[in-house]
Amino acid sequence: MSRLKGAAKYLPLSESTYYILLALVEPLHGYALMQKVAGMSQGSVSIGPGTLYGAFSTLEKVDLIVKVREEDRR
């Protein structure tokens, strides 16, 4: 229960962050995640690369997500 109390400091979530966390029930790369969020929100939420990678950085710093692996960019 104490873990849930600690989570309160991250609230409220932005709509983008909420959808990103919701989509990350499985590991996804950035483009796949952007597509999944668009599908889950029926097109009402569109996340661009800047928003996505900024959110990834913030979520990693506060230990809400963990990078599984990093691949070379194309």
N, C-alpha and C. Protein backbone atom coordinates (compact mmCIF):
# COMPACT_ATOMS: atom_id res chain seq x y z
N MET A 1 0.81 -1.19 0.00
CA MET A 1 0.00 0.00 0.00
C MET A 1 0.86 1.26 0.00
N SER A 2 2.03 1.22 0.63
CA SER A 2 2.88 2.41 0.66
C SER A 2 3.36 2.81 -0.73
N ARG A 3 3.49 1.84 -1.62
CA ARG A 3 3.89 2.15 -3.00
C ARG A 3 2.83 3.02 -3.68
N LEU A 4 1.56 2.73 -3.44
CA LEU A 4 0.49 3.53 -4.03
C LEU A 4 0.48 4.94 -3.45
N LYS A 5 0.77 5.10 -2.18
CA LYS A 5 0.83 6.42 -1.58
C LYS A 5 1.94 7.25 -2.23
N GLY A 6 3.07 6.62 -2.54
CA GLY A 6 4.17 7.31 -3.19
C GLY A 6 3.84 7.73 -4.61
N ALA A 7 2.93 7.01 -5.25
CA ALA A 7 2.55 7.33 -6.63
C ALA A 7 1.77 8.63 -6.72
N ALA A 8 1.16 9.05 -5.64
CA ALA A 8 0.34 10.26 -5.65
C ALA A 8 1.13 11.50 -6.04
N LYS A 9 2.43 11.50 -5.80
CA LYS A 9 3.22 12.68 -6.14
C LYS A 9 3.35 12.88 -7.64
N TYR A 10 3.01 11.88 -8.44
CA TYR A 10 3.08 11.98 -9.90
C TYR A 10 1.74 12.41 -10.51
N LEU A 11 0.75 12.61 -9.67
CA LEU A 11 -0.57 12.97 -10.16
C LEU A 11 -0.78 14.46 -10.06
N PRO A 12 -1.58 15.07 -10.86
CA PRO A 12 -2.31 14.45 -11.97
C PRO A 12 -1.40 14.23 -13.17
N LEU A 13 -1.72 13.20 -13.94
CA LEU A 13 -0.98 12.91 -15.17
C LEU A 13 -1.55 13.75 -16.31
N SER A 14 -0.68 14.12 -17.23
CA SER A 14 -1.20 14.76 -18.44
C SER A 14 -1.88 13.67 -19.27
N GLU A 15 -2.72 14.08 -20.17
CA GLU A 15 -3.42 13.12 -21.03
C GLU A 15 -2.42 12.29 -21.83
N SER A 16 -1.39 12.93 -22.35
CA SER A 16 -0.37 12.22 -23.12
C SER A 16 0.34 11.19 -22.26
N THR A 17 0.75 11.57 -21.06
CA THR A 17 1.46 10.64 -20.17
C THR A 17 0.56 9.49 -19.78
N TYR A 18 -0.70 9.75 -19.53
CA TYR A 18 -1.65 8.69 -19.19
C TYR A 18 -1.71 7.66 -20.32
N TYR A 19 -1.87 8.11 -21.55
CA TYR A 19 -1.95 7.18 -22.68
C TYR A 19 -0.63 6.45 -22.91
N ILE A 20 0.48 7.13 -22.71
CA ILE A 20 1.79 6.47 -22.87
C ILE A 20 1.92 5.33 -21.87
N LEU A 21 1.61 5.59 -20.61
CA LEU A 21 1.69 4.54 -19.59
C LEU A 21 0.70 3.41 -19.86
N LEU A 22 -0.49 3.77 -20.31
CA LEU A 22 -1.50 2.77 -20.63
C LEU A 22 -1.06 1.87 -21.78
N ALA A 23 -0.38 2.46 -22.76
CA ALA A 23 0.08 1.70 -23.92
C ALA A 23 1.28 0.82 -23.61
N LEU A 24 2.02 1.14 -22.55
CA LEU A 24 3.25 0.40 -22.25
C LEU A 24 3.02 -0.84 -21.39
N VAL A 25 1.94 -1.56 -21.64
CA VAL A 25 1.76 -2.85 -20.96
C VAL A 25 2.70 -3.89 -21.56
N GLU A 26 3.25 -3.57 -22.72
CA GLU A 26 4.25 -4.41 -23.38
C GLU A 26 5.30 -3.46 -23.95
N PRO A 27 6.53 -3.93 -24.09
CA PRO A 27 7.58 -3.06 -24.65
C PRO A 27 7.24 -2.65 -26.09
N LEU A 28 7.37 -1.38 -26.38
CA LEU A 28 7.12 -0.85 -27.73
C LEU A 28 8.18 0.18 -28.06
N HIS A 29 8.52 0.28 -29.34
CA HIS A 29 9.39 1.38 -29.76
C HIS A 29 8.52 2.60 -30.01
N GLY A 30 9.16 3.74 -30.17
CA GLY A 30 8.46 5.01 -30.23
C GLY A 30 7.35 5.09 -31.26
N TYR A 31 7.64 4.71 -32.51
CA TYR A 31 6.63 4.84 -33.56
C TYR A 31 5.43 3.94 -33.28
N ALA A 32 5.69 2.71 -32.83
CA ALA A 32 4.59 1.79 -32.52
C ALA A 32 3.74 2.35 -31.38
N LEU A 33 4.39 2.96 -30.41
CA LEU A 33 3.66 3.53 -29.28
C LEU A 33 2.79 4.70 -29.74
N MET A 34 3.31 5.55 -30.62
CA MET A 34 2.52 6.67 -31.13
C MET A 34 1.28 6.15 -31.86
N GLN A 35 1.45 5.08 -32.64
CA GLN A 35 0.31 4.50 -33.35
C GLN A 35 -0.69 3.88 -32.38
N LYS A 36 -0.20 3.20 -31.35
CA LYS A 36 -1.09 2.56 -30.39
C LYS A 36 -1.90 3.60 -29.63
N VAL A 37 -1.26 4.70 -29.22
CA VAL A 37 -1.99 5.76 -28.52
C VAL A 37 -3.07 6.34 -29.42
N ALA A 38 -2.75 6.59 -30.67
CA ALA A 38 -3.75 7.12 -31.61
C ALA A 38 -4.93 6.15 -31.74
N GLY A 39 -4.64 4.86 -31.81
CA GLY A 39 -5.70 3.86 -31.91
C GLY A 39 -6.54 3.76 -30.64
N MET A 40 -5.87 3.74 -29.50
CA MET A 40 -6.57 3.63 -28.22
C MET A 40 -7.48 4.82 -27.98
N SER A 41 -7.05 5.99 -28.41
CA SER A 41 -7.82 7.21 -28.18
C SER A 41 -8.77 7.51 -29.34
N GLN A 42 -8.84 6.60 -30.28
CA GLN A 42 -9.66 6.77 -31.49
C GLN A 42 -9.32 8.06 -32.21
N GLY A 43 -8.02 8.37 -32.22
CA GLY A 43 -7.54 9.53 -32.95
C GLY A 43 -7.62 10.85 -32.21
N SER A 44 -8.16 10.86 -31.00
CA SER A 44 -8.30 12.13 -30.28
C SER A 44 -6.99 12.59 -29.63
N VAL A 45 -6.04 11.67 -29.41
CA VAL A 45 -4.74 12.03 -28.85
C VAL A 45 -3.66 11.64 -29.86
N SER A 46 -2.89 12.62 -30.26
CA SER A 46 -1.80 12.40 -31.18
C SER A 46 -0.51 12.84 -30.50
N ILE A 47 0.42 11.91 -30.34
CA ILE A 47 1.67 12.20 -29.65
C ILE A 47 2.78 12.28 -30.68
N GLY A 48 3.47 13.40 -30.70
CA GLY A 48 4.61 13.57 -31.59
C GLY A 48 5.88 13.07 -30.94
N PRO A 49 6.95 12.96 -31.72
CA PRO A 49 8.22 12.45 -31.19
C PRO A 49 8.78 13.27 -30.04
N GLY A 50 8.68 14.58 -30.09
CA GLY A 50 9.20 15.42 -29.02
C GLY A 50 8.49 15.17 -27.70
N THR A 51 7.17 15.10 -27.76
CA THR A 51 6.38 14.81 -26.56
C THR A 51 6.69 13.42 -26.04
N LEU A 52 6.77 12.45 -26.94
CA LEU A 52 7.00 11.07 -26.55
C LEU A 52 8.35 10.89 -25.87
N TYR A 53 9.41 11.36 -26.51
CA TYR A 53 10.74 11.13 -25.95
C TYR A 53 10.99 12.00 -24.72
N GLY A 54 10.35 13.15 -24.63
CA GLY A 54 10.40 13.94 -23.41
C GLY A 54 9.73 13.21 -22.26
N ALA A 55 8.56 12.61 -22.54
CA ALA A 55 7.85 11.83 -21.52
C ALA A 55 8.66 10.61 -21.11
N PHE A 56 9.26 9.92 -22.10
CA PHE A 56 10.11 8.76 -21.78
C PHE A 56 11.21 9.17 -20.81
N SER A 57 11.88 10.27 -21.10
CA SER A 57 12.98 10.74 -20.26
C SER A 57 12.51 11.02 -18.84
N THR A 58 11.40 11.74 -18.72
CA THR A 58 10.86 12.07 -17.41
C THR A 58 10.43 10.82 -16.65
N LEU A 59 9.73 9.91 -17.32
CA LEU A 59 9.25 8.69 -16.67
C LEU A 59 10.39 7.79 -16.24
N GLU A 60 11.47 7.76 -17.02
CA GLU A 60 12.66 6.99 -16.63
C GLU A 60 13.32 7.59 -15.39
N LYS A 61 13.43 8.91 -15.35
CA LYS A 61 14.08 9.58 -14.21
C LYS A 61 13.38 9.32 -12.90
N VAL A 62 12.05 9.18 -12.94
CA VAL A 62 11.29 8.94 -11.71
C VAL A 62 10.97 7.45 -11.52
N ASP A 63 11.63 6.61 -12.32
CA ASP A 63 11.52 5.15 -12.20
C ASP A 63 10.11 4.60 -12.41
N LEU A 64 9.31 5.25 -13.25
CA LEU A 64 8.00 4.71 -13.58
C LEU A 64 8.07 3.78 -14.79
N ILE A 65 9.11 3.94 -15.61
CA ILE A 65 9.36 3.01 -16.71
C ILE A 65 10.84 2.68 -16.74
N VAL A 66 11.16 1.58 -17.39
CA VAL A 66 12.55 1.15 -17.53
C VAL A 66 12.80 0.84 -19.00
N LYS A 67 13.89 1.37 -19.53
CA LYS A 67 14.25 1.09 -20.92
C LYS A 67 14.68 -0.37 -21.01
N VAL A 68 14.08 -1.12 -21.94
CA VAL A 68 14.41 -2.53 -22.08
C VAL A 68 15.67 -2.71 -22.92
N ARG A 69 15.74 -1.95 -23.99
CA ARG A 69 16.95 -1.96 -24.82
C ARG A 69 16.91 -0.74 -25.73
N GLU A 70 18.06 -0.41 -26.28
CA GLU A 70 18.14 0.72 -27.18
C GLU A 70 18.78 0.25 -28.47
N GLU A 71 18.17 0.59 -29.58
CA GLU A 71 18.69 0.20 -30.88
C GLU A 71 19.24 1.42 -31.61
N ASP A 72 20.13 1.17 -32.53
CA ASP A 72 20.66 2.27 -33.34
C ASP A 72 19.52 2.90 -34.13
N ARG A 73 19.60 4.21 -34.29
CA ARG A 73 18.60 4.90 -35.10
C ARG A 73 18.90 4.66 -36.58
N ARG A 74 17.86 4.73 -37.39
CA ARG A 74 18.04 4.55 -38.83
C ARG A 74 18.68 5.75 -39.44
